Amino acid sequence: MIAGFLLGVEISIGVLLIISAGFIFFLNIRKFPSFVLIVGGFISFASLFYLIIPNPYELTHLPEYAILGILTRYAIKGGDRAKREKASETYFYLRSALITGAIGTIDELYQGILPLRYFAWYDIFLNWLGGLLGLTLLWGISKE
């Protein structure tokens, strides 16, 4: 009962993230086609994995790691002022993606050694995909 509620809440958060980013992208017409292609690709991959994975609750990794990716990006950019001024935006996004993916990978590897938990490669993929989705949404709503 509670698991179904949590799944509904996390899916709602993910849908709200995508809808709000889509609206903001729509206002920035230059980025809108990129948004549709990138997010459409992410949703397509997630839908394919939904058909493959045995537990649909695994899709909760997407909004969780999307939020982690966004928070990681803000944490990295808010650090060293000198580095922030001379580094490009691509550097911060790439570094955030790598850190978010590494956290997701380490988390899944750690779960593999815990009792009553299990390791799955598709969880790692979903963690990376969620982080990239969050960073894509952030890229779309950021000012140029």
C-alpha atoms as a PDB file:
ATOM      1  CA  MET A   1       0.000   0.000   0.000  1.00  0.00           C
ATOM      2  CA  ILE A   2       2.700   2.485   0.995  1.00  0.00           C
ATOM      3  CA  ALA A   3       4.942   1.373  -1.874  1.00  0.00           C
ATOM      4  CA  GLY A   4       2.159   2.153  -4.358  1.00  0.00           C
ATOM      5  CA  PHE A   5       1.700   5.585  -2.824  1.00  0.00           C
ATOM      6  CA  LEU A   6       5.437   6.327  -2.988  1.00  0.00           C
ATOM      7  CA  LEU A   7       5.577   5.181  -6.595  1.00  0.00           C
ATOM      8  CA  GLY A   8       2.704   7.535  -7.428  1.00  0.00           C
ATOM      9  CA  VAL A   9       4.427  10.438  -5.671  1.00  0.00           C
ATOM     10  CA  GLU A  10       7.740   9.847  -7.446  1.00  0.00           C
ATOM     11  CA  ILE A  11       6.101   9.453 -10.848  1.00  0.00           C
ATOM     12  CA  SER A  12       4.140  12.655 -10.196  1.00  0.00           C
ATOM     13  CA  ILE A  13       7.373  14.492  -9.338  1.00  0.00           C
ATOM     14  CA  GLY A  14       8.955  13.230 -12.545  1.00  0.00           C
ATOM     15  CA  VAL A  15       5.959  14.262 -14.646  1.00  0.00           C
ATOM     16  CA  LEU A  16       5.875  17.707 -13.008  1.00  0.00           C
ATOM     17  CA  LEU A  17       9.590  18.166 -13.709  1.00  0.00           C
ATOM     18  CA  ILE A  18       9.119  17.305 -17.368  1.00  0.00           C
ATOM     19  CA  ILE A  19       5.972  19.431 -17.805  1.00  0.00           C
ATOM     20  CA  SER A  20       7.469  22.480 -16.095  1.00  0.00           C
ATOM     21  CA  ALA A  21      10.709  22.162 -18.048  1.00  0.00           C
ATOM     22  CA  GLY A  22       8.708  21.735 -21.259  1.00  0.00           C
ATOM     23  CA  PHE A  23       6.787  24.921 -20.543  1.00  0.00           C
ATOM     24  CA  ILE A  24       9.980  26.824 -19.825  1.00  0.00           C
ATOM     25  CA  PHE A  25      11.599  25.362 -22.924  1.00  0.00           C
ATOM     26  CA  PHE A  26       8.582  26.376 -24.967  1.00  0.00           C
ATOM     27  CA  LEU A  27       9.143  29.967 -23.883  1.00  0.00           C
ATOM     28  CA  ASN A  28      12.758  29.644 -25.071  1.00  0.00           C
ATOM     29  CA  ILE A  29      11.965  28.526 -28.609  1.00  0.00           C
ATOM     30  CA  ARG A  30      15.648  28.016 -29.527  1.00  0.00           C
ATOM     31  CA  LYS A  31      16.063  25.166 -27.041  1.00  0.00           C
ATOM     32  CA  PHE A  32      12.588  23.653 -27.444  1.00  0.00           C
ATOM     33  CA  PRO A  33      13.409  21.235 -30.322  1.00  0.00           C
ATOM     34  CA  SER A  34      16.453  19.973 -28.401  1.00  0.00           C
ATOM     35  CA  PHE A  35      14.307  19.491 -25.316  1.00  0.00           C
ATOM     36  CA  VAL A  36      11.735  17.430 -27.192  1.00  0.00           C
ATOM     37  CA  LEU A  37      14.413  15.192 -28.732  1.00  0.00           C
ATOM     38  CA  ILE A  38      16.447  14.659 -25.563  1.00  0.00           C
ATOM     39  CA  VAL A  39      13.577  14.129 -23.143  1.00  0.00           C
ATOM     40  CA  GLY A  40      11.709  12.040 -25.712  1.00  0.00           C
ATOM     41  CA  GLY A  41      14.782   9.817 -25.983  1.00  0.00           C
ATOM     42  CA  PHE A  42      15.037   9.481 -22.206  1.00  0.00           C
ATOM     43  CA  ILE A  43      11.364   8.579 -21.903  1.00  0.00           C
ATOM     44  CA  SER A  44      11.701   6.072 -24.753  1.00  0.00           C
ATOM     45  CA  PHE A  45      14.645   4.358 -23.053  1.00  0.00           C
ATOM     46  CA  ALA A  46      12.789   4.316 -19.733  1.00  0.00           C
ATOM     47  CA  SER A  47       9.702   2.843 -21.429  1.00  0.00           C
ATOM     48  CA  LEU A  48      11.775   0.084 -23.006  1.00  0.00           C
ATOM     49  CA  PHE A  49      13.338  -0.692 -19.663  1.00  0.00           C
ATOM     50  CA  TYR A  50       9.877  -0.750 -18.094  1.00  0.00           C
ATOM     51  CA  LEU A  51       9.057  -3.660 -20.409  1.00  0.00           C
ATOM     52  CA  ILE A  52      12.314  -5.457 -19.587  1.00  0.00           C
ATOM     53  CA  ILE A  53      12.747  -4.969 -15.842  1.00  0.00           C
ATOM     54  CA  PRO A  54      10.886  -7.278 -13.478  1.00  0.00           C
ATOM     55  CA  ASN A  55       9.934  -4.554 -10.989  1.00  0.00           C
ATOM     56  CA  PRO A  56       8.291  -1.333 -12.261  1.00  0.00           C
ATOM     57  CA  TYR A  57       9.214   0.403  -8.991  1.00  0.00           C
ATOM     58  CA  GLU A  58      12.757   0.577 -10.367  1.00  0.00           C
ATOM     59  CA  LEU A  59      11.647   3.539 -12.494  1.00  0.00           C
ATOM     60  CA  THR A  60      11.645   5.616  -9.323  1.00  0.00           C
ATOM     61  CA  HIS A  61      15.380   5.923  -9.933  1.00  0.00           C
ATOM     62  CA  LEU A  62      14.669   8.450 -12.691  1.00  0.00           C
ATOM     63  CA  PRO A  63      13.182  11.313 -10.637  1.00  0.00           C
ATOM     64  CA  GLU A  64      15.462  10.549  -7.674  1.00  0.00           C
ATOM     65  CA  TYR A  65      18.645  10.808  -9.698  1.00  0.00           C
ATOM     66  CA  ALA A  66      17.276  13.693 -11.770  1.00  0.00           C
ATOM     67  CA  ILE A  67      17.015  15.706  -8.581  1.00  0.00           C
ATOM     68  CA  LEU A  68      20.451  14.478  -7.450  1.00  0.00           C
ATOM     69  CA  GLY A  69      21.942  15.581 -10.786  1.00  0.00           C
ATOM     70  CA  ILE A  70      20.444  19.051 -10.428  1.00  0.00           C
ATOM     71  CA  LEU A  71      21.652  19.397  -6.836  1.00  0.00           C
ATOM     72  CA  THR A  72      25.123  18.155  -7.789  1.00  0.00           C
ATOM     73  CA  ARG A  73      25.335  20.732 -10.563  1.00  0.00           C
ATOM     74  CA  TYR A  74      24.475  23.547  -8.154  1.00  0.00           C
ATOM     75  CA  ALA A  75      26.948  22.228  -5.567  1.00  0.00           C
ATOM     76  CA  ILE A  76      29.799  22.063  -8.072  1.00  0.00           C
ATOM     77  CA  LYS A  77      29.146  25.458  -9.599  1.00  0.00           C
ATOM     78  CA  GLY A  78      28.796  27.110  -6.196  1.00  0.00           C
ATOM     79  CA  GLY A  79      32.317  26.111  -5.158  1.00  0.00           C
ATOM     80  CA  ASP A  80      35.588  27.785  -6.141  1.00  0.00           C
ATOM     81  CA  ARG A  81      34.951  31.260  -7.565  1.00  0.00           C
ATOM     82  CA  ALA A  82      38.108  31.407  -9.717  1.00  0.00           C
ATOM     83  CA  LYS A  83      37.327  28.062 -11.323  1.00  0.00           C
ATOM     84  CA  ARG A  84      33.706  29.077 -11.807  1.00  0.00           C
ATOM     85  CA  GLU A  85      34.700  32.156 -13.792  1.00  0.00           C
ATOM     86  CA  LYS A  86      37.101  30.467 -16.193  1.00  0.00           C
ATOM     87  CA  ALA A  87      35.395  27.080 -16.677  1.00  0.00           C
ATOM     88  CA  SER A  88      32.715  26.580 -19.302  1.00  0.00           C
ATOM     89  CA  GLU A  89      29.172  25.492 -18.538  1.00  0.00           C
ATOM     90  CA  THR A  90      29.830  22.213 -20.349  1.00  0.00           C
ATOM     91  CA  TYR A  91      32.529  21.423 -17.785  1.00  0.00           C
ATOM     92  CA  PHE A  92      30.083  21.787 -14.895  1.00  0.00           C
ATOM     93  CA  TYR A  93      27.390  19.697 -16.581  1.00  0.00           C
ATOM     94  CA  LEU A  94      29.834  16.953 -17.558  1.00  0.00           C
ATOM     95  CA  ARG A  95      31.372  16.832 -14.098  1.00  0.00           C
ATOM     96  CA  SER A  96      27.911  16.739 -12.483  1.00  0.00           C
ATOM     97  CA  ALA A  97      26.847  13.883 -14.770  1.00  0.00           C
ATOM     98  CA  LEU A  98      29.961  11.875 -13.906  1.00  0.00           C
ATOM     99  CA  ILE A  99      29.566  12.424 -10.165  1.00  0.00           C
ATOM    100  CA  THR A 100      25.853  11.583 -10.218  1.00  0.00           C
ATOM    101  CA  GLY A 101      26.509   8.442 -12.263  1.00  0.00           C
ATOM    102  CA  ALA A 102      29.361   7.405  -9.972  1.00  0.00           C
ATOM    103  CA  ILE A 103      27.132   7.822  -6.914  1.00  0.00           C
ATOM    104  CA  GLY A 104      24.452   5.698  -8.576  1.00  0.00           C
ATOM    105  CA  THR A 105      26.972   3.015  -9.542  1.00  0.00           C
ATOM    106  CA  ILE A 106      28.543   2.868  -6.079  1.00  0.00           C
ATOM    107  CA  ASP A 107      25.086   2.749  -4.491  1.00  0.00           C
ATOM    108  CA  GLU A 108      24.088  -0.268  -6.574  1.00  0.00           C
ATOM    109  CA  LEU A 109      27.407  -2.050  -5.969  1.00  0.00           C
ATOM    110  CA  TYR A 110      26.993  -1.478  -2.242  1.00  0.00           C
ATOM    111  CA  GLN A 111      23.455  -2.884  -2.341  1.00  0.00           C
ATOM    112  CA  GLY A 112      24.858  -6.066  -3.857  1.00  0.00           C
ATOM    113  CA  ILE A 113      26.665  -6.947  -0.625  1.00  0.00           C
ATOM    114  CA  LEU A 114      23.808  -6.088   1.741  1.00  0.00           C
ATOM    115  CA  PRO A 115      21.428  -8.785   2.944  1.00  0.00           C
ATOM    116  CA  LEU A 116      17.899  -8.597   1.513  1.00  0.00           C
ATOM    117  CA  ARG A 117      19.088  -6.223  -1.248  1.00  0.00           C
ATOM    118  CA  TYR A 118      20.202  -7.083  -4.756  1.00  0.00           C
ATOM    119  CA  PHE A 119      22.418  -5.720  -7.487  1.00  0.00           C
ATOM    120  CA  ALA A 120      21.178  -5.127 -11.033  1.00  0.00           C
ATOM    121  CA  TRP A 121      22.928  -3.571 -13.999  1.00  0.00           C
ATOM    122  CA  TYR A 122      19.737  -1.919 -15.212  1.00  0.00           C
ATOM    123  CA  ASP A 123      19.536  -0.003 -11.912  1.00  0.00           C
ATOM    124  CA  ILE A 124      22.907   1.535 -12.715  1.00  0.00           C
ATOM    125  CA  PHE A 125      21.636   2.444 -16.172  1.00  0.00           C
ATOM    126  CA  LEU A 126      18.489   4.017 -14.710  1.00  0.00           C
ATOM    127  CA  ASN A 127      20.580   6.001 -12.211  1.00  0.00           C
ATOM    128  CA  TRP A 128      22.721   7.423 -15.019  1.00  0.00           C
ATOM    129  CA  LEU A 129      19.637   8.073 -17.148  1.00  0.00           C
ATOM    130  CA  GLY A 130      17.878   9.894 -14.301  1.00  0.00           C
ATOM    131  CA  GLY A 131      20.930  12.071 -13.628  1.00  0.00           C
ATOM    132  CA  LEU A 132      21.201  12.959 -17.312  1.00  0.00           C
ATOM    133  CA  LEU A 133      17.487  13.732 -17.440  1.00  0.00           C
ATOM    134  CA  GLY A 134      17.774  16.137 -14.500  1.00  0.00           C
ATOM    135  CA  LEU A 135      20.812  17.860 -15.987  1.00  0.00           C
ATOM    136  CA  THR A 136      19.048  18.169 -19.337  1.00  0.00           C
ATOM    137  CA  LEU A 137      16.059  19.773 -17.659  1.00  0.00           C
ATOM    138  CA  LEU A 138      18.359  22.161 -15.799  1.00  0.00           C
ATOM    139  CA  TRP A 139      20.218  23.022 -19.002  1.00  0.00           C
ATOM    140  CA  GLY A 140      16.920  23.843 -20.667  1.00  0.00           C
ATOM    141  CA  ILE A 141      15.701  26.220 -18.007  1.00  0.00           C
ATOM    142  CA  SER A 142      19.060  27.931 -17.427  1.00  0.00           C
ATOM    143  CA  LYS A 143      19.703  31.317 -18.962  1.00  0.00           C
ATOM    144  CA  GLU A 144      22.157  31.545 -21.787  1.00  0.00           C
END
